[in-house]
Protein backbone atom coordinates (compact mmCIF):
# COMPACT_ATOMS: atom_id res chain seq x y z
CA UNK A 1 -5.84 1.27 8.02
CA UNK A 2 -3.59 3.74 6.21
CA UNK A 3 -0.41 2.48 7.90
CA UNK A 4 -0.98 -1.04 6.63
CA UNK A 5 -2.08 -0.16 3.12
CA UNK A 6 0.69 2.38 2.62
CA UNK A 7 3.30 -0.37 3.01
CA UNK A 8 3.88 -2.95 0.29
CA UNK A 9 6.73 -5.46 0.06
CA UNK A 10 6.08 -5.88 -3.67
CA UNK A 11 6.64 -3.67 -6.72
CA UNK A 12 3.71 -3.80 -9.20
CA UNK A 13 6.08 -3.28 -12.13
CA UNK A 14 8.65 -5.94 -11.17
CA UNK A 15 6.36 -8.32 -9.26
CA UNK A 16 2.91 -8.14 -10.87
CA UNK A 17 1.56 -11.54 -9.72
CA UNK A 18 0.95 -11.95 -5.98
CA UNK A 19 -0.52 -14.75 -3.85
CA UNK A 20 -1.86 -13.96 -0.36
CA UNK A 21 -2.63 -16.79 2.07
CA UNK A 22 -4.88 -16.16 5.09
CA UNK A 23 -7.27 -18.00 7.40
CA UNK A 24 -10.93 -17.01 8.01
CA UNK A 25 -12.15 -14.40 5.54
CA UNK A 26 -15.08 -12.02 6.24
CA UNK A 27 -17.90 -12.34 7.06
CA UNK A 28 -16.41 -15.06 9.30
CA UNK A 29 -14.78 -13.62 12.40
CA UNK A 30 -10.99 -13.44 12.30
CA UNK A 31 -8.70 -10.44 12.54
CA UNK A 32 -6.01 -11.88 10.26
CA UNK A 33 -8.45 -12.64 7.47
CA UNK A 34 -10.03 -9.19 7.76
CA UNK A 35 -6.69 -7.48 7.36
CA UNK A 36 -5.44 -9.75 4.58
CA UNK A 37 -8.59 -9.19 2.53
CA UNK A 38 -8.03 -5.44 2.80
CA UNK A 39 -4.35 -5.92 1.98
CA UNK A 40 -5.12 -8.05 -1.08
CA UNK A 41 -7.56 -5.43 -2.36
CA UNK A 42 -4.93 -2.74 -1.86
CA UNK A 43 -2.38 -4.78 -3.86
CA UNK A 44 -4.90 -5.16 -6.69
CA UNK A 45 -5.73 -1.46 -6.72
CA UNK A 46 -2.00 -0.69 -7.03
CA UNK A 47 -1.79 -2.83 -10.17
CA UNK A 48 -1.03 -6.37 -8.99
CA UNK A 49 -2.78 -9.51 -10.23
CA UNK A 50 -3.66 -10.95 -6.80
CA UNK A 51 -4.89 -14.38 -5.75
CA UNK A 52 -6.18 -14.52 -2.16
CA UNK A 53 -6.94 -17.88 -0.56
CA UNK A 54 -8.68 -18.29 2.80
CA UNK A 55 -11.33 -20.16 4.75
CA UNK A 56 -15.08 -19.82 5.08
CA UNK A 57 -17.79 -21.50 7.14
CA UNK A 58 -20.13 -21.12 4.16
CA UNK A 59 -19.97 -22.69 0.71
CA UNK A 60 -16.59 -22.69 -1.00
CA UNK A 61 -16.23 -20.26 -3.88
CA UNK A 62 -13.88 -18.72 -6.42
CA UNK A 63 -14.52 -15.16 -7.58
CA UNK A 64 -12.48 -12.86 -9.81
CA UNK A 65 -12.91 -9.11 -10.26
CA UNK A 66 -11.01 -6.11 -11.54
CA UNK A 67 -9.99 -3.62 -8.86
CA UNK A 68 -8.30 -0.35 -9.70
CA UNK A 69 -5.30 -1.05 -11.90
CA UNK A 70 -5.23 -4.78 -11.14
CA UNK A 71 -7.27 -7.89 -10.49
CA UNK A 72 -8.28 -9.87 -7.41
CA UNK A 73 -9.24 -13.55 -7.38
CA UNK A 74 -10.71 -14.74 -4.06
CA UNK A 75 -10.57 -18.46 -3.37
CA UNK A 76 -12.59 -19.49 -0.30
CA UNK A 77 -12.38 -23.03 1.06
CA UNK A 78 -15.17 -24.38 3.22
CA UNK A 79 -13.71 -25.50 6.56
CA UNK A 80 -14.87 -26.83 9.90
CA UNK A 81 -14.24 -24.74 13.03
CA UNK A 82 -10.92 -25.25 14.78
CA UNK A 83 -11.28 -28.15 17.28
CA UNK A 84 -10.07 -26.50 20.49
CA UNK A 85 -10.82 -29.34 22.87
CA UNK A 86 -7.68 -31.30 22.00
CA UNK A 87 -4.18 -30.11 21.05
CA UNK A 88 -3.63 -33.20 18.89
CA UNK A 89 -6.88 -32.66 17.00
CA UNK A 90 -6.05 -28.98 16.58
CA UNK A 91 -2.62 -29.79 15.12
CA UNK A 92 -4.20 -32.32 12.76
CA UNK A 93 -6.78 -29.71 11.66
CA UNK A 94 -3.99 -27.19 11.08
CA UNK A 95 -1.88 -29.56 8.97
CA UNK A 96 -4.85 -30.64 6.84
CA UNK A 97 -6.08 -27.06 6.42
CA UNK A 98 -2.63 -25.78 5.44
CA UNK A 99 -2.30 -28.51 2.82
CA UNK A 100 -5.73 -27.63 1.41
CA UNK A 101 -4.88 -23.92 1.22
CA UNK A 102 -1.66 -24.56 -0.67
CA UNK A 103 -3.23 -27.15 -2.98
CA UNK A 104 -6.00 -24.69 -3.90
CA UNK A 105 -3.52 -22.12 -5.23
CA UNK A 106 -0.54 -24.31 -6.12
CA UNK A 107 -0.66 -23.23 -9.76
CA UNK A 108 -0.78 -19.48 -9.02
CA UNK A 109 2.01 -19.89 -6.44
CA UNK A 110 4.29 -21.53 -9.02
CA UNK A 111 3.78 -18.49 -11.28
CA UNK A 112 3.68 -15.79 -8.60
CA UNK A 113 6.33 -13.10 -8.27
CA UNK A 114 5.59 -12.83 -4.55
CA UNK A 115 3.86 -14.88 -1.84
CA UNK A 116 2.60 -13.25 1.37
CA UNK A 117 1.56 -15.60 4.17
CA UNK A 118 0.73 -15.06 7.81
CA UNK A 119 1.01 -16.75 11.20
CA UNK A 120 -2.59 -17.90 10.92
CA UNK A 121 -3.17 -20.73 10.26
CA UNK A 122 -0.01 -21.65 12.17
CA UNK A 123 3.01 -23.48 10.76
CA UNK A 124 2.54 -22.62 7.08
CA UNK A 125 6.27 -21.89 7.05
CA UNK A 126 6.87 -25.65 7.41
CA UNK A 127 5.20 -26.26 4.06
CA UNK A 128 6.38 -23.16 2.19
CA UNK A 129 10.03 -22.78 3.17
CA UNK A 130 11.20 -26.39 2.48
CA UNK A 131 9.82 -26.17 -1.07
CA UNK A 132 11.09 -22.67 -1.73
CA UNK A 133 12.85 -23.76 -4.97
CA UNK A 134 9.37 -24.40 -6.39
CA UNK A 135 8.32 -20.78 -5.90
CA UNK A 136 9.78 -18.31 -8.37
CA UNK A 137 8.72 -15.31 -6.32
CA UNK A 138 9.83 -13.86 -2.99
CA UNK A 139 8.41 -15.41 0.15
CA UNK A 140 7.25 -12.82 2.71
CA UNK A 141 6.16 -13.95 6.18
CA UNK A 142 3.83 -11.56 8.00
CA UNK A 143 4.14 -12.82 11.56
CA UNK A 144 0.80 -12.14 13.18
CA UNK A 145 1.28 -14.63 16.03
CA UNK A 146 4.44 -16.61 16.77
CA UNK A 147 4.04 -20.38 16.64
CA UNK A 148 5.06 -22.65 18.36
CA UNK A 149 6.08 -19.93 20.83
CA UNK A 150 2.42 -19.32 21.70
CA UNK A 151 1.94 -23.02 22.46
CA UNK A 152 4.98 -22.90 24.72
CA UNK A 153 3.84 -19.68 26.42
CA UNK A 154 0.44 -21.24 27.11
CA UNK A 155 2.04 -24.00 29.19
CA UNK A 156 2.55 -23.43 32.89
CA UNK A 157 5.58 -25.73 33.02
CA UNK A 158 8.71 -26.33 30.95
CA UNK A 159 8.00 -27.11 27.28
CA UNK A 160 8.17 -30.71 26.16
CA UNK A 161 10.99 -32.00 24.01
CA UNK A 162 8.52 -32.20 21.14
CA UNK A 163 7.73 -28.47 21.38
CA UNK A 164 11.42 -27.62 21.76
CA UNK A 165 12.20 -29.62 18.62
CA UNK A 166 9.33 -27.93 16.77
CA UNK A 167 10.65 -24.52 17.77
CA UNK A 168 14.15 -25.40 16.55
CA UNK A 169 12.79 -26.61 13.19
CA UNK A 170 10.54 -23.56 12.85
CA UNK A 171 13.54 -21.26 13.27
CA UNK A 172 15.43 -23.26 10.65
CA UNK A 173 12.65 -22.62 8.12
CA UNK A 174 12.31 -18.97 9.15
CA UNK A 175 15.88 -18.38 8.06
CA UNK A 176 14.94 -19.50 4.54
CA UNK A 177 12.19 -16.90 4.17
CA UNK A 178 13.08 -13.86 2.02
CA UNK A 179 11.53 -11.22 4.26
CA UNK A 180 9.35 -10.61 7.31
CA UNK A 181 6.68 -8.17 8.40
CA UNK A 182 6.04 -7.71 12.13
CA UNK A 183 3.16 -5.92 13.82
CA UNK A 184 5.11 -4.15 16.55
CA UNK A 185 8.52 -3.33 17.97
CA UNK A 186 8.06 -6.04 20.61
CA UNK A 187 7.66 -8.59 17.81
CA UNK A 188 10.67 -7.08 16.04
CA UNK A 189 12.76 -7.82 19.14
CA UNK A 190 11.47 -11.38 19.40
CA UNK A 191 12.34 -12.10 15.76
CA UNK A 192 15.78 -10.52 16.06
CA UNK A 193 16.43 -12.77 19.06
CA UNK A 194 16.08 -15.81 16.78
CA UNK A 195 18.95 -14.55 14.63
CA UNK A 196 17.01 -12.96 11.78
CA UNK A 197 18.95 -10.01 10.33
CA UNK A 198 17.52 -6.55 10.97
CA UNK A 199 17.40 -5.66 7.26
CA UNK A 200 15.09 -8.62 6.53
CA UNK A 201 12.40 -7.34 8.93
CA UNK A 202 9.88 -4.57 8.24
CA UNK A 203 7.60 -3.08 10.89
CA UNK A 204 4.18 -2.78 9.25
CA UNK A 205 1.39 -2.10 11.72
CA UNK A 206 -2.18 -3.19 11.08
CA UNK A 207 -4.10 0.04 11.63
CA UNK A 208 -7.86 0.19 12.13
CA UNK A 209 -9.94 -2.02 9.81
CA UNK A 210 -12.89 0.39 10.11
CA UNK A 211 -13.34 4.12 9.62
CA UNK A 212 -14.98 6.32 12.24
CA UNK A 213 -16.70 9.22 10.52
CA UNK A 214 -19.83 11.28 11.09
CA UNK A 215 -21.94 8.65 9.35
CA UNK A 216 -21.13 6.00 11.98
CA UNK A 217 -23.82 5.84 14.65
CA UNK A 218 -23.12 4.25 18.00
CA UNK A 219 -24.68 0.85 18.56
CA UNK A 220 -27.43 0.65 21.15
CA UNK A 221 -26.37 -0.20 24.68
CA UNK A 222 -28.09 -3.43 25.82
CA UNK A 223 -30.88 -2.72 28.30
CA UNK A 224 -29.09 -4.90 30.88
CA UNK A 225 -26.31 -2.27 30.94
CA UNK A 226 -28.49 0.85 30.89
CA UNK A 227 -27.72 3.43 33.56
CA UNK A 228 -24.18 2.17 34.16
CA UNK A 229 -20.70 3.01 32.91
CA UNK A 230 -20.00 0.41 30.20
CA UNK A 231 -16.57 -1.18 29.70
CA UNK A 232 -16.39 -3.19 26.46
CA UNK A 233 -14.15 -6.09 25.57
CA UNK A 234 -14.64 -6.91 21.89
CA UNK A 235 -13.27 -9.65 19.66
CA UNK A 236 -11.23 -12.71 20.57
CA UNK A 237 -10.51 -13.37 24.25
CA UNK A 238 -8.23 -16.38 24.03
CA UNK A 239 -5.41 -18.10 25.89
CA UNK A 240 -3.05 -15.15 25.40
CA UNK A 241 -5.32 -12.71 27.24
CA UNK A 242 -5.23 -12.07 30.99
CA UNK A 243 -8.25 -13.44 32.87
CA UNK A 244 -7.46 -13.64 36.60
CA UNK A 245 -6.69 -9.94 37.11
CA UNK A 246 -9.89 -8.90 35.32
CA UNK A 247 -12.05 -11.46 37.10
CA UNK A 248 -10.82 -10.63 40.60
CA UNK A 249 -10.60 -6.88 40.02
CA UNK A 250 -14.14 -6.78 38.66
CA UNK A 251 -15.37 -8.78 41.66
CA UNK A 252 -13.72 -6.28 44.01
CA UNK A 253 -15.34 -3.39 42.15
CA UNK A 254 -18.81 -4.95 42.23
CA UNK A 255 -18.73 -6.31 45.80
CA UNK A 256 -16.52 -3.83 47.65
CA UNK A 257 -16.44 -0.79 45.36
CA UNK A 258 -19.13 1.39 43.85
CA UNK A 259 -20.25 -1.19 41.29
CA UNK A 260 -20.87 1.56 38.77
CA UNK A 261 -19.12 -0.22 35.88
CA UNK A 262 -20.67 -3.06 33.88
CA UNK A 263 -18.49 -5.25 31.67
CA UNK A 264 -19.77 -6.06 28.19
CA UNK A 265 -18.13 -9.12 26.64
CA UNK A 266 -18.72 -9.00 22.88
CA UNK A 267 -16.23 -11.81 22.63
CA UNK A 268 -15.43 -15.43 21.87
CA UNK A 269 -12.60 -17.67 22.99
CA UNK A 270 -11.36 -19.59 26.02
CA UNK A 271 -10.76 -16.41 28.04
CA UNK A 272 -14.31 -15.18 27.44
CA UNK A 273 -15.70 -18.53 28.56
CA UNK A 274 -13.53 -18.47 31.70
CA UNK A 275 -14.57 -14.93 32.60
CA UNK A 276 -18.26 -15.65 32.04
CA UNK A 277 -18.03 -18.74 34.26
CA UNK A 278 -16.26 -16.77 37.00
CA UNK A 279 -18.77 -13.94 36.89
CA UNK A 280 -21.73 -16.31 36.93
CA UNK A 281 -20.23 -18.24 39.85
CA UNK A 282 -19.73 -15.01 41.83
CA UNK A 283 -23.17 -13.75 40.77
CA UNK A 284 -21.67 -10.61 39.25
CA UNK A 285 -23.60 -8.52 36.71
CA UNK A 286 -22.22 -8.51 33.16
CA UNK A 287 -23.44 -8.82 29.58
CA UNK A 288 -22.26 -11.37 26.99
CA UNK A 289 -22.78 -11.23 23.22
CA UNK A 290 -21.07 -12.61 20.14
CA UNK A 291 -18.44 -10.64 18.17
CA UNK A 292 -20.01 -8.51 15.46
CA UNK A 293 -19.21 -8.59 11.73
CA UNK A 294 -16.82 -6.00 10.35
CA UNK A 295 -19.55 -3.77 8.93
CA UNK A 296 -20.98 -3.27 12.45
CA UNK A 297 -17.68 -2.95 14.30
CA UNK A 298 -17.36 0.85 14.19
CA UNK A 299 -20.80 1.32 15.71
CA UNK A 300 -20.05 -1.20 18.46
CA UNK A 301 -16.74 0.43 19.38
CA UNK A 302 -18.39 3.83 19.69
CA UNK A 303 -21.07 2.52 22.06
CA UNK A 304 -19.21 2.02 25.40
CA UNK A 305 -17.69 4.50 27.82
CA UNK A 306 -14.30 2.74 27.64
CA UNK A 307 -12.48 -0.24 26.11
CA UNK A 308 -10.59 -3.11 27.72
CA UNK A 309 -7.55 -4.89 26.25
CA UNK A 310 -5.58 -7.60 28.04
CA UNK A 311 -2.41 -9.62 27.36
CA UNK A 312 -0.53 -12.06 29.57
CA UNK A 313 3.09 -11.10 30.21
CA UNK A 314 4.53 -14.28 28.73
CA UNK A 315 2.83 -13.54 25.39
CA UNK A 316 4.39 -10.09 24.95
CA UNK A 317 6.09 -9.96 21.56
CA UNK A 318 4.45 -13.19 20.45
CA UNK A 319 0.91 -11.77 20.14
CA UNK A 320 -0.12 -8.25 19.17
CA UNK A 321 -3.86 -7.67 19.70
CA UNK A 322 -4.72 -5.74 16.55
CA UNK A 323 -7.99 -4.55 18.13
CA UNK A 324 -5.97 -1.76 19.79
CA UNK A 325 -5.96 0.28 16.56
CA UNK A 326 -9.73 0.40 16.17
CA UNK A 327 -10.18 0.97 19.91
CA UNK A 328 -7.85 3.98 19.76
CA UNK A 329 -9.54 5.30 16.61
CA UNK A 330 -12.90 5.19 18.42
CA UNK A 331 -11.46 7.86 20.82
CA UNK A 332 -12.82 6.13 23.91
CA UNK A 333 -10.75 5.77 27.11
CA UNK A 334 -8.70 2.60 27.28
CA UNK A 335 -7.77 0.18 30.06
CA UNK A 336 -4.91 -2.23 29.35
CA UNK A 337 -4.12 -5.14 31.64
CA UNK A 338 -0.62 -6.14 30.63
CA UNK A 339 3.06 -5.25 30.44
CA UNK A 340 4.68 -1.92 29.65
CA UNK A 341 6.96 -3.91 27.31
CA UNK A 342 4.05 -4.50 24.94
CA UNK A 343 3.51 -2.20 21.95
CA UNK A 344 -0.05 -1.75 23.19
CA UNK A 345 1.27 0.42 26.02
CA UNK A 346 3.44 2.44 23.63
CA UNK A 347 0.59 3.06 21.18
CA UNK A 348 -1.89 4.00 23.90
CA UNK A 349 0.49 6.47 25.56
CA UNK A 350 1.09 8.18 22.21
CA UNK A 351 -2.63 8.44 21.44
CA UNK A 352 -3.45 11.31 23.79
CA UNK A 353 -6.51 9.44 25.07
CA UNK A 354 -7.43 8.77 28.67
CA UNK A 355 -5.40 5.63 29.37
CA UNK A 356 -4.57 3.42 32.32
CA UNK A 357 -2.29 0.37 32.36
CA UNK A 358 -2.67 -2.23 35.08
CA UNK A 359 -0.03 -4.91 35.61
CA UNK A 360 -1.09 -8.54 35.38
CA UNK A 361 -1.84 -9.77 38.90
CA UNK A 362 -2.81 -6.34 40.25
CA UNK A 363 -6.52 -6.96 40.86
CA UNK A 364 -6.88 -4.05 43.32
CA UNK A 365 -5.32 -1.80 40.67
CA UNK A 366 -7.90 -2.96 38.13
CA UNK A 367 -10.71 -2.26 40.60
CA UNK A 368 -9.27 1.23 41.16
CA UNK A 369 -9.07 1.81 37.39
CA UNK A 370 -12.75 0.91 37.07
CA UNK A 371 -13.61 3.63 39.59
CA UNK A 372 -11.56 6.11 37.53
CA UNK A 373 -13.41 5.13 34.35
CA UNK A 374 -16.75 5.58 36.12
CA UNK A 375 -15.70 9.02 37.41
CA UNK A 376 -14.64 10.07 33.90
CA UNK A 377 -17.93 8.86 32.40
CA UNK A 378 -19.86 10.79 35.06
CA UNK A 379 -18.00 14.01 34.20
CA UNK A 380 -18.85 13.63 30.53
CA UNK A 381 -22.54 12.89 31.11
């Protein structure tokens, strides 16, 4: 987490009042909200007067506290889950939620010396940039995921005129933002390609949201996985993550290979549902559980023999799975199904850990990598 907290786009002396806008705040599951809560606390400890607004599945609340040299006010808005069954309903939810977030902190935003917002919920830039004259402070866009680029990348065919128009308008508003933070060099390149000047972009990586020290005990391996090499996928497994290569490669390993590896899906999302359905249909052994809260994440990540991360090629530079930082900090071997153009590959190669990258579509290569992971686990046992 040190990389993220060491970087600040704001000066406590010149810009004391800060507003941070996020999506789902802990204990609700959401990587962006986890990181933005930590970031807001860091700003407060440095001397800022910070207002953080985000979403919760529980009762709405407003809580203020002194932290370090500054203050933090947390505003949590009760919200329904994102309706993922319909794109139209999801866009309507996003628009309504964005309006609620801004309305909840409209007063603090008018007085703020700086506003930090993210790519989640999507399209906040469409409400913030057009009304920039209303905000006295600098507007900093931390691009976690690119939207509508992710919607376009999720389509198998050419984007509609509506999505093309939305992309054009989004880039218009991006040029009115004062500064940007990106999560990786691949995202830096994507943003530069839209015409944003290099000096307006800062590379600020997420880092691990949890600390792995001697006090962190490994979580218990589920009894269904006992006696096998365990490969863990944790967190969100959504539309940006590769499914076919993992599904077919795992089938090859279980039906034609040694079958020594068991996949543990501690995950939610469309990709997790698709994998579970494929495995059940092929009668393959695996274990499924829900993502764990942040206070249990370190123990979970220390439990398996290796970690799995995936990313479809067309999402490279648009999505940066932040889980890579905690996976690397856990010091477990890592398998990555994705492109060597992704920052995930760069970070993993620099880590010094046992690491294998498998290209999307290379199911036999994934099956081979599973055998290598099993061999490595056997040597360590």
